[in-house]
Amino acid sequence: MTFFVTTNFAVWAFGGMYANDLAGLLHCYVAALPFLRNGVMGDLCWTAVLFGGWWLIARAAGARAPSNRAWTTA
């Protein structure tokens, strides 16, 4: 969401495509709404792949906790 807000504000402020007033800023954000949906869907898919892959690897490894033996002095 932060990416959406900041990049669209930059397009409005520096792009010259929209009027330099509140109506132009709102028009910029409204015109970008279809891209927000795609961005959110991409983020959700990437998150599922990332954490789902981590879960599968942890499950395949038997979900063993890391050993603290390397940190102990015997």
PDB file of N, CA and C in Angstrom:
ATOM      1  N   MET A   1       0.820  -1.185   0.000  1.00  0.00           N
ATOM      2  CA  MET A   1       0.000   0.000   0.000  1.00  0.00           C
ATOM      3  C   MET A   1       0.871   1.258   0.000  1.00  0.00           C
ATOM      4  N   THR A   2       1.952   1.223   0.741  1.00  0.00           N
ATOM      5  CA  THR A   2       2.858   2.366   0.764  1.00  0.00           C
ATOM      6  C   THR A   2       3.431   2.628  -0.619  1.00  0.00           C
ATOM      7  N   PHE A   3       3.765   1.556  -1.327  1.00  0.00           N
ATOM      8  CA  PHE A   3       4.289   1.707  -2.691  1.00  0.00           C
ATOM      9  C   PHE A   3       3.253   2.390  -3.575  1.00  0.00           C
ATOM     10  N   PHE A   4       2.005   1.982  -3.490  1.00  0.00           N
ATOM     11  CA  PHE A   4       0.932   2.566  -4.291  1.00  0.00           C
ATOM     12  C   PHE A   4       0.794   4.060  -4.007  1.00  0.00           C
ATOM     13  N   VAL A   5       0.763   4.404  -2.738  1.00  0.00           N
ATOM     14  CA  VAL A   5       0.567   5.805  -2.352  1.00  0.00           C
ATOM     15  C   VAL A   5       1.743   6.665  -2.795  1.00  0.00           C
ATOM     16  N   THR A   6       2.961   6.217  -2.540  1.00  0.00           N
ATOM     17  CA  THR A   6       4.127   7.053  -2.846  1.00  0.00           C
ATOM     18  C   THR A   6       4.375   7.165  -4.348  1.00  0.00           C
ATOM     19  N   THR A   7       4.253   6.069  -5.080  1.00  0.00           N
ATOM     20  CA  THR A   7       4.531   6.153  -6.515  1.00  0.00           C
ATOM     21  C   THR A   7       3.477   6.959  -7.251  1.00  0.00           C
ATOM     22  N   ASN A   8       2.225   6.841  -6.855  1.00  0.00           N
ATOM     23  CA  ASN A   8       1.194   7.631  -7.519  1.00  0.00           C
ATOM     24  C   ASN A   8       1.277   9.098  -7.134  1.00  0.00           C
ATOM     25  N   PHE A   9       1.706   9.380  -5.911  1.00  0.00           N
ATOM     26  CA  PHE A   9       1.935  10.775  -5.540  1.00  0.00           C
ATOM     27  C   PHE A   9       3.073  11.364  -6.378  1.00  0.00           C
ATOM     28  N   ALA A  10       4.122  10.578  -6.603  1.00  0.00           N
ATOM     29  CA  ALA A  10       5.240  11.056  -7.415  1.00  0.00           C
ATOM     30  C   ALA A  10       4.813  11.280  -8.862  1.00  0.00           C
ATOM     31  N   VAL A  11       3.971  10.422  -9.392  1.00  0.00           N
ATOM     32  CA  VAL A  11       3.458  10.624 -10.757  1.00  0.00           C
ATOM     33  C   VAL A  11       2.671  11.915 -10.828  1.00  0.00           C
ATOM     34  N   TRP A  12       1.843  12.161  -9.827  1.00  0.00           N
ATOM     35  CA  TRP A  12       1.067  13.395  -9.813  1.00  0.00           C
ATOM     36  C   TRP A  12       1.967  14.616  -9.656  1.00  0.00           C
ATOM     37  N   ALA A  13       2.938  14.541  -8.767  1.00  0.00           N
ATOM     38  CA  ALA A  13       3.768  15.705  -8.463  1.00  0.00           C
ATOM     39  C   ALA A  13       4.768  16.029  -9.564  1.00  0.00           C
ATOM     40  N   PHE A  14       5.342  14.997 -10.195  1.00  0.00           N
ATOM     41  CA  PHE A  14       6.435  15.237 -11.138  1.00  0.00           C
ATOM     42  C   PHE A  14       6.126  14.841 -12.569  1.00  0.00           C
ATOM     43  N   GLY A  15       5.008  14.176 -12.808  1.00  0.00           N
ATOM     44  CA  GLY A  15       4.726  13.638 -14.131  1.00  0.00           C
ATOM     45  C   GLY A  15       4.148  14.625 -15.121  1.00  0.00           C
ATOM     46  N   GLY A  16       3.361  15.569 -14.678  1.00  0.00           N
ATOM     47  CA  GLY A  16       2.748  16.517 -15.586  1.00  0.00           C
ATOM     48  C   GLY A  16       1.507  15.986 -16.298  1.00  0.00           C
ATOM     49  N   MET A  17       1.040  14.809 -15.936  1.00  0.00           N
ATOM     50  CA  MET A  17      -0.139  14.237 -16.580  1.00  0.00           C
ATOM     51  C   MET A  17      -1.436  14.736 -15.953  1.00  0.00           C
ATOM     52  N   TYR A  18      -1.372  15.184 -14.705  1.00  0.00           N
ATOM     53  CA  TYR A  18      -2.560  15.580 -13.967  1.00  0.00           C
ATOM     54  C   TYR A  18      -2.400  17.011 -13.481  1.00  0.00           C
ATOM     55  N   ALA A  19      -3.537  17.656 -13.245  1.00  0.00           N
ATOM     56  CA  ALA A  19      -3.517  19.034 -12.750  1.00  0.00           C
ATOM     57  C   ALA A  19      -2.869  19.069 -11.363  1.00  0.00           C
ATOM     58  N   ASN A  20      -2.206  20.175 -11.071  1.00  0.00           N
ATOM     59  CA  ASN A  20      -1.508  20.320  -9.788  1.00  0.00           C
ATOM     60  C   ASN A  20      -2.436  20.863  -8.705  1.00  0.00           C
ATOM     61  N   ASP A  21      -3.528  20.162  -8.499  1.00  0.00           N
ATOM     62  CA  ASP A  21      -4.458  20.515  -7.433  1.00  0.00           C
ATOM     63  C   ASP A  21      -5.033  19.227  -6.841  1.00  0.00           C
ATOM     64  N   LEU A  22      -5.912  19.379  -5.865  1.00  0.00           N
ATOM     65  CA  LEU A  22      -6.473  18.217  -5.190  1.00  0.00           C
ATOM     66  C   LEU A  22      -7.264  17.330  -6.157  1.00  0.00           C
ATOM     67  N   ALA A  23      -7.969  17.940  -7.089  1.00  0.00           N
ATOM     68  CA  ALA A  23      -8.738  17.159  -8.063  1.00  0.00           C
ATOM     69  C   ALA A  23      -7.806  16.325  -8.939  1.00  0.00           C
ATOM     70  N   GLY A  24      -6.662  16.886  -9.320  1.00  0.00           N
ATOM     71  CA  GLY A  24      -5.693  16.127 -10.109  1.00  0.00           C
ATOM     72  C   GLY A  24      -5.096  14.974  -9.324  1.00  0.00           C
ATOM     73  N   LEU A  25      -4.819  15.193  -8.038  1.00  0.00           N
ATOM     74  CA  LEU A  25      -4.292  14.132  -7.187  1.00  0.00           C
ATOM     75  C   LEU A  25      -5.306  12.997  -7.045  1.00  0.00           C
ATOM     76  N   LEU A  26      -6.553  13.350  -6.806  1.00  0.00           N
ATOM     77  CA  LEU A  26      -7.600  12.327  -6.695  1.00  0.00           C
ATOM     78  C   LEU A  26      -7.782  11.587  -8.017  1.00  0.00           C
ATOM     79  N   HIS A  27      -7.732  12.295  -9.118  1.00  0.00           N
ATOM     80  CA  HIS A  27      -7.858  11.655 -10.428  1.00  0.00           C
ATOM     81  C   HIS A  27      -6.703  10.681 -10.663  1.00  0.00           C
ATOM     82  N   CYS A  28      -5.515  11.035 -10.234  1.00  0.00           N
ATOM     83  CA  CYS A  28      -4.351  10.160 -10.361  1.00  0.00           C
ATOM     84  C   CYS A  28      -4.553   8.866  -9.575  1.00  0.00           C
ATOM     85  N   TYR A  29      -5.031   8.981  -8.340  1.00  0.00           N
ATOM     86  CA  TYR A  29      -5.253   7.785  -7.524  1.00  0.00           C
ATOM     87  C   TYR A  29      -6.397   6.927  -8.065  1.00  0.00           C
ATOM     88  N   VAL A  30      -7.450   7.556  -8.537  1.00  0.00           N
ATOM     89  CA  VAL A  30      -8.575   6.796  -9.088  1.00  0.00           C
ATOM     90  C   VAL A  30      -8.150   6.068 -10.353  1.00  0.00           C
ATOM     91  N   ALA A  31      -7.344   6.711 -11.188  1.00  0.00           N
ATOM     92  CA  ALA A  31      -6.881   6.075 -12.430  1.00  0.00           C
ATOM     93  C   ALA A  31      -5.960   4.895 -12.145  1.00  0.00           C
ATOM     94  N   ALA A  32      -5.334   4.871 -10.994  1.00  0.00           N
ATOM     95  CA  ALA A  32      -4.397   3.800 -10.656  1.00  0.00           C
ATOM     96  C   ALA A  32      -5.045   2.638  -9.912  1.00  0.00           C
ATOM     97  N   LEU A  33      -6.313   2.730  -9.560  1.00  0.00           N
ATOM     98  CA  LEU A  33      -6.966   1.667  -8.792  1.00  0.00           C
ATOM     99  C   LEU A  33      -6.921   0.291  -9.462  1.00  0.00           C
ATOM    100  N   PRO A  34      -7.096   0.166 -10.776  1.00  0.00           N
ATOM    101  CA  PRO A  34      -6.987  -1.177 -11.369  1.00  0.00           C
ATOM    102  C   PRO A  34      -5.609  -1.812 -11.145  1.00  0.00           C
ATOM    103  N   PHE A  35      -4.577  -1.015 -11.090  1.00  0.00           N
ATOM    104  CA  PHE A  35      -3.232  -1.533 -10.868  1.00  0.00           C
ATOM    105  C   PHE A  35      -3.022  -1.934  -9.409  1.00  0.00           C
ATOM    106  N   LEU A  36      -3.725  -1.297  -8.490  1.00  0.00           N
ATOM    107  CA  LEU A  36      -3.642  -1.668  -7.082  1.00  0.00           C
ATOM    108  C   LEU A  36      -4.132  -3.102  -6.888  1.00  0.00           C
ATOM    109  N   ARG A  37      -5.220  -3.454  -7.542  1.00  0.00           N
ATOM    110  CA  ARG A  37      -5.754  -4.815  -7.420  1.00  0.00           C
ATOM    111  C   ARG A  37      -4.714  -5.833  -7.880  1.00  0.00           C
ATOM    112  N   ASN A  38      -4.098  -5.574  -9.016  1.00  0.00           N
ATOM    113  CA  ASN A  38      -3.082  -6.502  -9.523  1.00  0.00           C
ATOM    114  C   ASN A  38      -1.869  -6.560  -8.599  1.00  0.00           C
ATOM    115  N   GLY A  39      -1.486  -5.439  -8.042  1.00  0.00           N
ATOM    116  CA  GLY A  39      -0.353  -5.422  -7.114  1.00  0.00           C
ATOM    117  C   GLY A  39      -0.634  -6.206  -5.848  1.00  0.00           C
ATOM    118  N   VAL A  40      -1.823  -6.051  -5.314  1.00  0.00           N
ATOM    119  CA  VAL A  40      -2.190  -6.788  -4.102  1.00  0.00           C
ATOM    120  C   VAL A  40      -2.245  -8.281  -4.390  1.00  0.00           C
ATOM    121  N   MET A  41      -2.827  -8.658  -5.529  1.00  0.00           N
ATOM    122  CA  MET A  41      -2.900 -10.079  -5.882  1.00  0.00           C
ATOM    123  C   MET A  41      -1.493 -10.663  -6.066  1.00  0.00           C
ATOM    124  N   GLY A  42      -0.598  -9.912  -6.692  1.00  0.00           N
ATOM    125  CA  GLY A  42       0.778 -10.370  -6.837  1.00  0.00           C
ATOM    126  C   GLY A  42       1.480 -10.528  -5.499  1.00  0.00           C
ATOM    127  N   ASP A  43       1.259  -9.580  -4.597  1.00  0.00           N
ATOM    128  CA  ASP A  43       1.853  -9.675  -3.256  1.00  0.00           C
ATOM    129  C   ASP A  43       1.332 -10.900  -2.509  1.00  0.00           C
ATOM    130  N   LEU A  44       0.035 -11.163  -2.614  1.00  0.00           N
ATOM    131  CA  LEU A  44      -0.537 -12.327  -1.934  1.00  0.00           C
ATOM    132  C   LEU A  44       0.022 -13.627  -2.508  1.00  0.00           C
ATOM    133  N   CYS A  45       0.137 -13.700  -3.822  1.00  0.00           N
ATOM    134  CA  CYS A  45       0.688 -14.918  -4.442  1.00  0.00           C
ATOM    135  C   CYS A  45       2.148 -15.112  -4.045  1.00  0.00           C
ATOM    136  N   TRP A  46       2.935 -14.053  -4.077  1.00  0.00           N
ATOM    137  CA  TRP A  46       4.345 -14.160  -3.720  1.00  0.00           C
ATOM    138  C   TRP A  46       4.505 -14.558  -2.260  1.00  0.00           C
ATOM    139  N   THR A  47       3.673 -14.002  -1.387  1.00  0.00           N
ATOM    140  CA  THR A  47       3.733 -14.350   0.021  1.00  0.00           C
ATOM    141  C   THR A  47       3.389 -15.820   0.232  1.00  0.00           C
ATOM    142  N   ALA A  48       2.378 -16.296  -0.492  1.00  0.00           N
ATOM    143  CA  ALA A  48       2.005 -17.711  -0.375  1.00  0.00           C
ATOM    144  C   ALA A  48       3.134 -18.614  -0.844  1.00  0.00           C
ATOM    145  N   VAL A  49       3.797 -18.252  -1.935  1.00  0.00           N
ATOM    146  CA  VAL A  49       4.912 -19.055  -2.437  1.00  0.00           C
ATOM    147  C   VAL A  49       6.076 -19.023  -1.451  1.00  0.00           C
ATOM    148  N   LEU A  50       6.399 -17.843  -0.945  1.00  0.00           N
ATOM    149  CA  LEU A  50       7.538 -17.700  -0.052  1.00  0.00           C
ATOM    150  C   LEU A  50       7.329 -18.476   1.258  1.00  0.00           C
ATOM    151  N   PHE A  51       6.230 -18.206   1.946  1.00  0.00           N
ATOM    152  CA  PHE A  51       6.005 -18.858   3.223  1.00  0.00           C
ATOM    153  C   PHE A  51       5.544 -20.300   3.065  1.00  0.00           C
ATOM    154  N   GLY A  52       4.826 -20.597   1.986  1.00  0.00           N
ATOM    155  CA  GLY A  52       4.459 -21.981   1.720  1.00  0.00           C
ATOM    156  C   GLY A  52       5.679 -22.834   1.432  1.00  0.00           C
ATOM    157  N   GLY A  53       6.628 -22.286   0.680  1.00  0.00           N
ATOM    158  CA  GLY A  53       7.881 -23.003   0.433  1.00  0.00           C
ATOM    159  C   GLY A  53       8.669 -23.208   1.704  1.00  0.00           C
ATOM    160  N   TRP A  54       8.705 -22.188   2.552  1.00  0.00           N
ATOM    161  CA  TRP A  54       9.411 -22.315   3.832  1.00  0.00           C
ATOM    162  C   TRP A  54       8.761 -23.397   4.684  1.00  0.00           C
ATOM    163  N   TRP A  55       7.427 -23.428   4.717  1.00  0.00           N
ATOM    164  CA  TRP A  55       6.708 -24.425   5.494  1.00  0.00           C
ATOM    165  C   TRP A  55       6.981 -25.833   4.962  1.00  0.00           C
ATOM    166  N   LEU A  56       6.979 -25.981   3.625  1.00  0.00           N
ATOM    167  CA  LEU A  56       7.250 -27.299   3.046  1.00  0.00           C
ATOM    168  C   LEU A  56       8.660 -27.783   3.365  1.00  0.00           C
ATOM    169  N   ILE A  57       9.618 -26.890   3.288  1.00  0.00           N
ATOM    170  CA  ILE A  57      10.999 -27.264   3.601  1.00  0.00           C
ATOM    171  C   ILE A  57      11.123 -27.636   5.076  1.00  0.00           C
ATOM    172  N   ALA A  58      10.499 -26.858   5.958  1.00  0.00           N
ATOM    173  CA  ALA A  58      10.544 -27.162   7.390  1.00  0.00           C
ATOM    174  C   ALA A  58       9.860 -28.491   7.677  1.00  0.00           C
ATOM    175  N   ARG A  59       8.775 -28.758   6.990  1.00  0.00           N
ATOM    176  CA  ARG A  59       8.066 -30.016   7.203  1.00  0.00           C
ATOM    177  C   ARG A  59       8.881 -31.196   6.687  1.00  0.00           C
ATOM    178  N   ALA A  60       9.527 -31.032   5.544  1.00  0.00           N
ATOM    179  CA  ALA A  60      10.346 -32.105   4.989  1.00  0.00           C
ATOM    180  C   ALA A  60      11.556 -32.384   5.863  1.00  0.00           C
ATOM    181  N   ALA A  61      12.050 -31.362   6.542  1.00  0.00           N
ATOM    182  CA  ALA A  61      13.206 -31.535   7.414  1.00  0.00           C
ATOM    183  C   ALA A  61      12.798 -32.066   8.786  1.00  0.00           C
ATOM    184  N   GLY A  62      11.520 -32.295   8.998  1.00  0.00           N
ATOM    185  CA  GLY A  62      11.058 -32.814  10.273  1.00  0.00           C
ATOM    186  C   GLY A  62      10.846 -31.738  11.307  1.00  0.00           C
ATOM    187  N   ALA A  63      10.885 -30.505  10.893  1.00  0.00           N
ATOM    188  CA  ALA A  63      10.654 -29.360  11.787  1.00  0.00           C
ATOM    189  C   ALA A  63      11.553 -29.422  13.004  1.00  0.00           C
ATOM    190  N   ARG A  64      12.785 -29.757  12.784  1.00  0.00           N
ATOM    191  CA  ARG A  64      13.746 -29.809  13.885  1.00  0.00           C
ATOM    192  C   ARG A  64      14.139 -28.401  14.293  1.00  0.00           C
ATOM    193  N   ALA A  65      14.252 -28.204  15.557  1.00  0.00           N
ATOM    194  CA  ALA A  65      14.711 -26.919  16.066  1.00  0.00           C
ATOM    195  C   ALA A  65      16.226 -26.850  15.893  1.00  0.00           C
ATOM    196  N   PRO A  66      16.758 -25.665  15.652  1.00  0.00           N
ATOM    197  CA  PRO A  66      18.208 -25.554  15.523  1.00  0.00           C
ATOM    198  C   PRO A  66      18.907 -25.929  16.820  1.00  0.00           C
ATOM    199  N   SER A  67      20.032 -26.553  16.693  1.00  0.00           N
ATOM    200  CA  SER A  67      20.774 -26.998  17.867  1.00  0.00           C
ATOM    201  C   SER A  67      21.596 -25.850  18.427  1.00  0.00           C
ATOM    202  N   ASN A  68      21.694 -25.801  19.747  1.00  0.00           N
ATOM    203  CA  ASN A  68      22.505 -24.786  20.406  1.00  0.00           C
ATOM    204  C   ASN A  68      23.897 -25.314  20.754  1.00  0.00           C
ATOM    205  N   ARG A  69      24.236 -26.466  20.261  1.00  0.00           N
ATOM    206  CA  ARG A  69      25.531 -27.075  20.606  1.00  0.00           C
ATOM    207  C   ARG A  69      26.712 -26.235  20.162  1.00  0.00           C
ATOM    208  N   ALA A  70      26.563 -25.522  19.072  1.00  0.00           N
ATOM    209  CA  ALA A  70      27.682 -24.725  18.573  1.00  0.00           C
ATOM    210  C   ALA A  70      27.993 -23.559  19.511  1.00  0.00           C
ATOM    211  N   TRP A  71      27.034 -23.166  20.336  1.00  0.00           N
ATOM    212  CA  TRP A  71      27.233 -22.027  21.213  1.00  0.00           C
ATOM    213  C   TRP A  71      27.653 -22.399  22.619  1.00  0.00           C
ATOM    214  N   THR A  72      27.643 -23.672  22.913  1.00  0.00           N
ATOM    215  CA  THR A  72      28.021 -24.081  24.256  1.00  0.00           C
ATOM    216  C   THR A  72      29.492 -24.473  24.301  1.00  0.00           C
ATOM    217  N   THR A  73      30.088 -24.239  25.412  1.00  0.00           N
ATOM    218  CA  THR A  73      31.479 -24.669  25.605  1.00  0.00           C
ATOM    219  C   THR A  73      31.466 -25.825  26.581  1.00  0.00           C
ATOM    220  N   ALA A  74      32.040 -26.906  26.152  1.00  0.00           N
ATOM    221  CA  ALA A  74      31.988 -28.078  27.012  1.00  0.00           C
ATOM    222  C   ALA A  74      33.320 -28.326  27.669  1.00  0.00           C
TER     223      ALA A  74
END
